[in-house]
Amino acid sequence: MNPTLIRRGLALSSVLWLAGCNTVVMKPSGDIAAQQANLVVVSTLLMMLIIVPVIALTLFFAWRYRASNTSAKYEPDWDHSTKLELVIWGAPLLIIIVLGLLTWISTHKLDPYRPLDRIDETRAIAPGVKPLEVQVVALDWKWLFIYPDLGIATVNELATPVDMPVRYKITASTVMNAFYIPAKAGMIYAMPGMQTELNAVINKAGVYDGFSANYSGAGFSGMRFKYHGLSQADFDAWVAKVKAAGNTLDRTGYQALEKPSEKEPVRYFAGVTDGLYDAILNRCVGDGQTCINKMVADDIVRARTAAELCFTPQNKAQPKLSMKNE
């Protein structure tokens, strides 16, 4: 087969494949993700102000001063132009300053730990509205979602009401993962023994993909879940369905769930043992295990006690005796 035809076919198939891509990252359904997408667009356009002219001028100079163009002005001794230097250095400097300002503002405004102050660009969050809390645990290789205010838990299925601010508290059981719902917000790492947070909102009802964006072992490719953005009535019905499951997630059940498994089906738990998430976070679910927060507190007490003993009056250095002969 003609190699040229093969190359053209591959190029055409790539274009067609890209045309069918789901551009959820640039057209999300959540306000935080939308602001992040706008930041990407603005930053790209600002950088294109430098990139496009440089590429265009490179091609123009190559064409204008080609060997066959004898009419091009030849100035081998030219070495400086103040105006050209101002353009070469001034334009990129201005772009860098603007990008720096955008980065500074967006870093604080889109801080995942920062509580939301708006539902979308036209609606602020009403005073006194309490975010829905969801505790997220990355397991091998599945996701556990605990709703402490509702007393329920799910595996590989997440749901929240539309236009409801949600505060995610995120940790992991063994290795680092990354919690990511492209339609809602950016990627947030999940790490064992540590807690990260994400404040976000979904503005459009639908079913969206969620997954781990950090490789974590053999079952990583199947570590996916469906995220449901529901109306308040549909969310209440979903909660009722979960509570109808009848199962309770206690410490023994969690230890069984924690064992590595791949492509785990959706599971519902109508009840959750009090303090289970804190025990997972502090790595003391099993009997006889000491919680990390207790170890830290005990270390602080021991350090404070040792410091107090070192600086008590009886332990202060005694005055040196004079060695001079009387």
Protein backbone atom coordinates (compact mmCIF):
# COMPACT_ATOMS: atom_id res chain seq x y z
CA MET A 1 0.00 0.00 0.00
CA ASN A 2 1.13 3.50 -0.72
CA PRO A 3 2.82 4.96 2.43
CA THR A 4 1.46 8.40 1.60
CA LEU A 5 -2.11 7.08 1.64
CA ILE A 6 -1.46 5.38 4.98
CA ARG A 7 -0.18 8.60 6.54
CA ARG A 8 -3.14 10.56 5.21
CA GLY A 9 -5.54 7.93 6.51
CA LEU A 10 -3.99 8.03 9.97
CA ALA A 11 -4.13 11.83 10.03
CA LEU A 12 -7.79 11.81 8.96
CA SER A 13 -8.75 9.18 11.54
CA SER A 14 -7.02 11.22 14.26
CA VAL A 15 -9.01 14.31 13.30
CA LEU A 16 -12.27 12.35 13.28
CA TRP A 17 -11.42 10.79 16.65
CA LEU A 18 -10.71 14.18 18.18
CA ALA A 19 -13.95 15.56 16.73
CA GLY A 20 -15.87 12.96 18.68
CA CYS A 21 -14.15 13.64 22.00
CA ASN A 22 -16.23 14.62 24.98
CA THR A 23 -14.90 18.05 25.85
CA VAL A 24 -16.27 17.95 29.38
CA VAL A 25 -13.17 19.67 30.81
CA MET A 26 -13.81 22.76 28.69
CA LYS A 27 -17.61 22.53 28.91
CA PRO A 28 -18.27 21.39 32.48
CA SER A 29 -21.49 21.47 34.47
CA GLY A 30 -20.10 22.79 37.76
CA ASP A 31 -19.18 26.37 38.62
CA ILE A 32 -15.68 25.59 39.94
CA ALA A 33 -14.80 23.55 36.86
CA ALA A 34 -16.24 26.31 34.65
CA GLN A 35 -14.01 28.91 36.30
CA GLN A 36 -11.02 26.61 35.83
CA ALA A 37 -11.90 26.15 32.16
CA ASN A 38 -12.14 29.92 31.69
CA LEU A 39 -8.73 30.30 33.31
CA VAL A 40 -7.25 27.81 30.84
CA VAL A 41 -8.79 29.69 27.89
CA VAL A 42 -7.65 33.12 29.06
CA SER A 43 -4.13 31.90 29.87
CA THR A 44 -3.85 30.17 26.48
CA LEU A 45 -5.00 33.26 24.59
CA LEU A 46 -2.52 35.43 26.47
CA MET A 47 0.33 33.08 25.63
CA MET A 48 -0.81 32.94 22.00
CA LEU A 49 -0.21 36.69 21.80
CA ILE A 50 3.50 35.81 21.90
CA ILE A 51 3.51 32.38 20.30
CA VAL A 52 1.56 33.24 17.14
CA PRO A 53 3.62 36.33 16.16
CA VAL A 54 6.89 34.47 16.82
CA ILE A 55 5.86 31.54 14.63
CA ALA A 56 4.51 33.88 11.92
CA LEU A 57 7.67 36.00 11.91
CA THR A 58 9.86 32.89 11.83
CA LEU A 59 8.08 31.68 8.70
CA PHE A 60 8.12 35.18 7.19
CA PHE A 61 11.86 35.64 7.75
CA ALA A 62 12.59 32.20 6.29
CA TRP A 63 10.60 33.11 3.19
CA ARG A 64 11.70 36.75 2.94
CA TYR A 65 15.42 36.05 3.27
CA ARG A 66 15.57 32.82 1.31
CA ALA A 67 18.65 32.29 -0.86
CA SER A 68 16.76 32.84 -4.10
CA ASN A 69 15.42 36.27 -3.04
CA THR A 70 18.15 38.59 -4.28
CA SER A 71 16.05 41.72 -3.64
CA ALA A 72 16.12 41.26 0.18
CA LYS A 73 18.20 43.91 1.89
CA TYR A 74 21.46 42.48 3.21
CA GLU A 75 22.85 44.19 6.36
CA PRO A 76 25.52 41.98 7.94
CA ASP A 77 26.73 44.74 10.28
CA TRP A 78 23.30 45.48 11.85
CA ASP A 79 23.33 44.56 15.53
CA HIS A 80 20.92 46.75 17.56
CA SER A 81 17.53 48.41 17.47
CA THR A 82 16.09 50.06 20.58
CA LYS A 83 12.53 49.85 19.27
CA LEU A 84 12.91 46.16 18.41
CA GLU A 85 14.45 45.42 21.81
CA LEU A 86 11.50 47.10 23.55
CA VAL A 87 9.07 44.92 21.63
CA ILE A 88 11.09 41.72 22.12
CA TRP A 89 11.44 42.18 25.88
CA GLY A 90 8.46 44.40 26.74
CA ALA A 91 5.66 42.30 25.25
CA PRO A 92 6.64 39.01 26.98
CA LEU A 93 7.20 40.89 30.24
CA LEU A 94 3.69 42.33 30.13
CA ILE A 95 2.26 38.88 29.37
CA ILE A 96 4.15 37.39 32.33
CA ILE A 97 2.87 40.13 34.65
CA VAL A 98 -0.74 39.55 33.56
CA LEU A 99 -0.39 35.76 33.87
CA GLY A 100 1.15 36.23 37.31
CA LEU A 101 -1.82 38.33 38.44
CA LEU A 102 -4.28 35.78 37.07
CA THR A 103 -2.41 32.97 38.82
CA TRP A 104 -2.35 34.85 42.13
CA ILE A 105 -6.05 35.68 42.01
CA SER A 106 -7.22 32.27 40.81
CA THR A 107 -4.98 30.38 43.27
CA HIS A 108 -6.85 32.00 46.14
CA LYS A 109 -10.28 32.19 44.55
CA LEU A 110 -10.27 28.55 43.41
CA ASP A 111 -8.55 27.15 46.49
CA PRO A 112 -10.30 23.76 47.01
CA TYR A 113 -10.31 24.32 50.80
CA ARG A 114 -12.09 27.67 50.44
CA PRO A 115 -15.83 27.51 51.20
CA LEU A 116 -18.00 28.44 48.23
CA ASP A 117 -19.51 31.92 48.09
CA ARG A 118 -21.63 31.41 44.98
CA ILE A 119 -23.71 28.82 43.15
CA ASP A 120 -22.74 30.16 39.74
CA GLU A 121 -21.73 33.47 38.17
CA THR A 122 -25.20 34.97 38.71
CA ARG A 123 -26.24 33.47 42.08
CA ALA A 124 -24.62 33.84 45.48
CA ILE A 125 -25.03 31.28 48.25
CA ALA A 126 -27.72 32.38 50.67
CA PRO A 127 -26.57 33.10 54.24
CA GLY A 128 -26.92 30.14 56.58
CA VAL A 129 -26.82 27.46 53.88
CA LYS A 130 -24.86 24.49 55.19
CA PRO A 131 -22.82 22.51 52.65
CA LEU A 132 -23.55 18.82 52.24
CA GLU A 133 -20.58 16.90 53.63
CA VAL A 134 -19.32 13.81 51.83
CA GLN A 135 -16.40 11.78 53.19
CA VAL A 136 -14.44 10.12 50.39
CA VAL A 137 -12.14 7.14 50.88
CA ALA A 138 -10.00 5.81 48.01
CA LEU A 139 -9.67 2.04 48.39
CA ASP A 140 -7.93 -0.62 46.28
CA TRP A 141 -9.59 -0.34 43.73
CA LYS A 142 -12.90 1.30 44.49
CA TRP A 143 -14.41 4.38 46.07
CA LEU A 144 -16.25 4.63 49.38
CA PHE A 145 -18.54 7.63 49.97
CA ILE A 146 -19.88 8.34 53.45
CA TYR A 147 -22.63 10.88 54.13
CA PRO A 148 -22.23 11.64 57.86
CA ASP A 149 -25.25 13.95 58.06
CA LEU A 150 -27.49 11.33 56.44
CA GLY A 151 -25.96 8.25 58.07
CA ILE A 152 -25.50 6.36 54.79
CA ALA A 153 -22.61 5.16 52.62
CA THR A 154 -22.12 3.92 49.07
CA VAL A 155 -19.47 2.17 47.03
CA ASN A 156 -18.71 3.40 43.49
CA GLU A 157 -21.74 5.68 43.29
CA LEU A 158 -21.97 9.33 44.33
CA ALA A 159 -24.95 11.66 44.27
CA THR A 160 -25.58 15.25 45.35
CA PRO A 161 -28.36 17.76 44.71
CA VAL A 162 -28.03 20.32 41.93
CA ASP A 163 -27.03 23.81 43.12
CA MET A 164 -26.11 22.48 46.57
CA PRO A 165 -22.62 23.38 47.87
CA VAL A 166 -20.74 20.20 48.77
CA ARG A 167 -17.69 19.83 50.99
CA TYR A 168 -15.68 16.69 50.26
CA LYS A 169 -13.27 15.37 52.87
CA ILE A 170 -10.88 13.01 51.11
CA THR A 171 -8.44 10.35 52.29
CA ALA A 172 -7.12 6.94 51.17
CA SER A 173 -6.69 3.51 52.70
CA THR A 174 -3.25 2.42 51.46
CA VAL A 175 -1.67 4.26 48.53
CA MET A 176 -2.13 7.71 47.00
CA ASN A 177 -4.96 8.20 44.52
CA ALA A 178 -6.63 11.26 43.00
CA PHE A 179 -10.34 12.07 43.24
CA TYR A 180 -11.52 13.60 39.97
CA ILE A 181 -14.93 14.51 38.52
CA PRO A 182 -14.06 16.57 35.40
CA ALA A 183 -17.55 18.02 35.07
CA LYS A 184 -17.51 19.37 38.63
CA ALA A 185 -14.02 20.45 39.71
CA GLY A 186 -10.32 19.79 39.43
CA MET A 187 -8.36 16.79 40.63
CA ILE A 188 -7.67 16.44 44.38
CA TYR A 189 -5.20 13.92 45.80
CA ALA A 190 -6.27 11.27 48.31
CA MET A 191 -3.49 10.16 50.65
CA PRO A 192 -3.46 7.66 53.56
CA GLY A 193 -3.20 9.22 56.99
CA MET A 194 -3.97 12.67 55.55
CA GLN A 195 -7.10 14.61 54.66
CA THR A 196 -7.59 16.88 51.69
CA GLU A 197 -10.72 18.88 50.93
CA LEU A 198 -12.73 20.06 47.97
CA ASN A 199 -15.61 22.53 47.91
CA ALA A 200 -17.65 22.37 44.72
CA VAL A 201 -21.15 22.47 43.23
CA ILE A 202 -22.91 20.91 40.25
CA ASN A 203 -25.26 23.20 38.32
CA LYS A 204 -26.83 20.81 35.85
CA ALA A 205 -28.62 17.53 36.46
CA GLY A 206 -27.05 14.51 34.82
CA VAL A 207 -24.84 11.48 35.20
CA TYR A 208 -21.11 12.18 35.08
CA ASP A 209 -17.92 10.14 35.19
CA GLY A 210 -15.64 10.10 38.19
CA PHE A 211 -12.36 8.24 38.51
CA SER A 212 -8.90 8.09 40.01
CA ALA A 213 -6.43 10.24 38.10
CA ASN A 214 -3.34 8.80 39.79
CA TYR A 215 -2.02 5.31 39.03
CA SER A 216 -2.35 3.10 42.08
CA GLY A 217 -1.82 -0.48 40.97
CA ALA A 218 -3.25 -3.31 38.92
CA GLY A 219 -6.92 -2.38 39.34
CA PHE A 220 -6.45 1.31 38.64
CA SER A 221 -8.14 1.23 35.21
CA GLY A 222 -11.40 0.00 36.74
CA MET A 223 -11.39 2.48 39.64
CA ARG A 224 -14.32 4.48 38.30
CA PHE A 225 -17.69 5.60 39.59
CA LYS A 226 -20.80 7.39 38.40
CA TYR A 227 -21.66 10.77 39.84
CA HIS A 228 -25.35 11.76 39.78
CA GLY A 229 -26.37 15.41 39.89
CA LEU A 230 -30.00 15.25 41.03
CA SER A 231 -32.84 17.60 41.80
CA GLN A 232 -33.66 17.81 45.50
CA ALA A 233 -36.68 15.53 45.07
CA ASP A 234 -34.67 12.96 43.13
CA PHE A 235 -31.86 13.15 45.68
CA ASP A 236 -34.30 12.49 48.53
CA ALA A 237 -35.57 9.47 46.59
CA TRP A 238 -32.01 8.26 46.07
CA VAL A 239 -31.29 8.58 49.80
CA ALA A 240 -34.43 6.59 50.55
CA LYS A 241 -33.27 3.88 48.13
CA VAL A 242 -29.88 3.68 49.87
CA LYS A 243 -31.51 3.46 53.29
CA ALA A 244 -33.74 0.66 52.03
CA ALA A 245 -30.64 -1.50 51.45
CA GLY A 246 -30.63 -2.40 55.13
CA ASN A 247 -26.89 -3.02 55.47
CA THR A 248 -24.71 -1.27 58.04
CA LEU A 249 -21.05 -0.46 57.42
CA ASP A 250 -19.20 -1.15 60.65
CA ARG A 251 -15.48 -1.56 61.33
CA THR A 252 -15.49 -5.26 60.55
CA GLY A 253 -17.37 -4.67 57.31
CA TYR A 254 -14.96 -1.90 56.34
CA GLN A 255 -11.94 -4.16 56.90
CA ALA A 256 -13.49 -6.68 54.51
CA LEU A 257 -14.32 -3.93 52.01
CA GLU A 258 -10.80 -2.54 52.26
CA LYS A 259 -9.25 -5.69 50.82
CA PRO A 260 -8.10 -5.20 47.20
CA SER A 261 -10.74 -5.99 44.61
CA GLU A 262 -11.33 -4.91 41.02
CA LYS A 263 -14.44 -3.59 39.27
CA GLU A 264 -16.47 -3.63 42.47
CA PRO A 265 -20.24 -3.27 41.84
CA VAL A 266 -22.27 -0.45 43.35
CA ARG A 267 -23.17 -1.15 46.97
CA TYR A 268 -25.39 0.70 49.46
CA PHE A 269 -25.19 0.90 53.25
CA ALA A 270 -28.20 2.15 55.19
CA GLY A 271 -26.10 2.85 58.26
CA VAL A 272 -22.51 3.72 59.16
CA THR A 273 -20.77 3.19 62.50
CA ASP A 274 -20.08 6.49 64.24
CA GLY A 275 -16.49 7.66 63.89
CA LEU A 276 -15.63 5.24 61.07
CA TYR A 277 -14.19 7.90 58.78
CA ASP A 278 -12.05 9.37 61.57
CA ALA A 279 -10.75 5.87 62.31
CA ILE A 280 -9.92 5.37 58.61
CA LEU A 281 -8.19 8.74 58.48
CA ASN A 282 -6.17 8.03 61.62
CA ARG A 283 -5.48 4.43 60.54
CA CYS A 284 -6.92 2.73 63.60
CA VAL A 285 -9.94 0.80 62.32
CA GLY A 286 -8.65 -2.54 63.60
CA ASP A 287 -8.74 -3.60 67.24
CA GLY A 288 -5.69 -2.59 69.26
CA GLN A 289 -4.45 -0.01 66.75
CA THR A 290 -3.43 3.39 68.08
CA CYS A 291 -4.89 6.34 66.21
CA ILE A 292 -2.48 8.78 64.61
CA ASN A 293 -4.13 11.79 66.24
CA LYS A 294 -3.77 10.16 69.68
CA MET A 295 -0.11 9.38 68.99
CA VAL A 296 0.50 13.00 68.02
CA ALA A 297 -1.34 14.27 71.09
CA ASP A 298 0.65 11.94 73.36
CA ASP A 299 3.91 13.07 71.74
CA ILE A 300 2.99 16.71 72.37
CA VAL A 301 2.25 15.98 76.02
CA ARG A 302 5.54 14.08 76.45
CA ALA A 303 7.52 16.85 74.76
CA ARG A 304 5.86 19.51 76.92
CA THR A 305 6.48 17.49 80.08
CA ALA A 306 10.13 16.97 79.16
CA ALA A 307 10.56 20.68 78.47
CA GLU A 308 9.00 21.60 81.82
CA LEU A 309 11.32 19.19 83.64
CA CYS A 310 14.38 20.63 81.92
CA PHE A 311 13.56 24.17 82.98
CA THR A 312 12.36 23.64 86.53
CA PRO A 313 14.37 25.59 89.22
CA GLN A 314 16.05 22.47 90.64
CA ASN A 315 17.44 21.59 87.21
CA LYS A 316 18.88 25.02 86.47
CA ALA A 317 22.64 25.18 86.25
CA GLN A 318 24.32 25.89 89.61
CA PRO A 319 26.78 28.84 89.87
CA LYS A 320 30.30 27.84 89.02
CA LEU A 321 32.65 27.52 92.02
CA SER A 322 35.62 29.83 92.08
CA MET A 323 38.89 28.04 91.44
CA LYS A 324 40.92 30.90 92.92
CA ASN A 325 42.91 29.98 96.06
CA GLU A 326 41.62 31.78 99.08
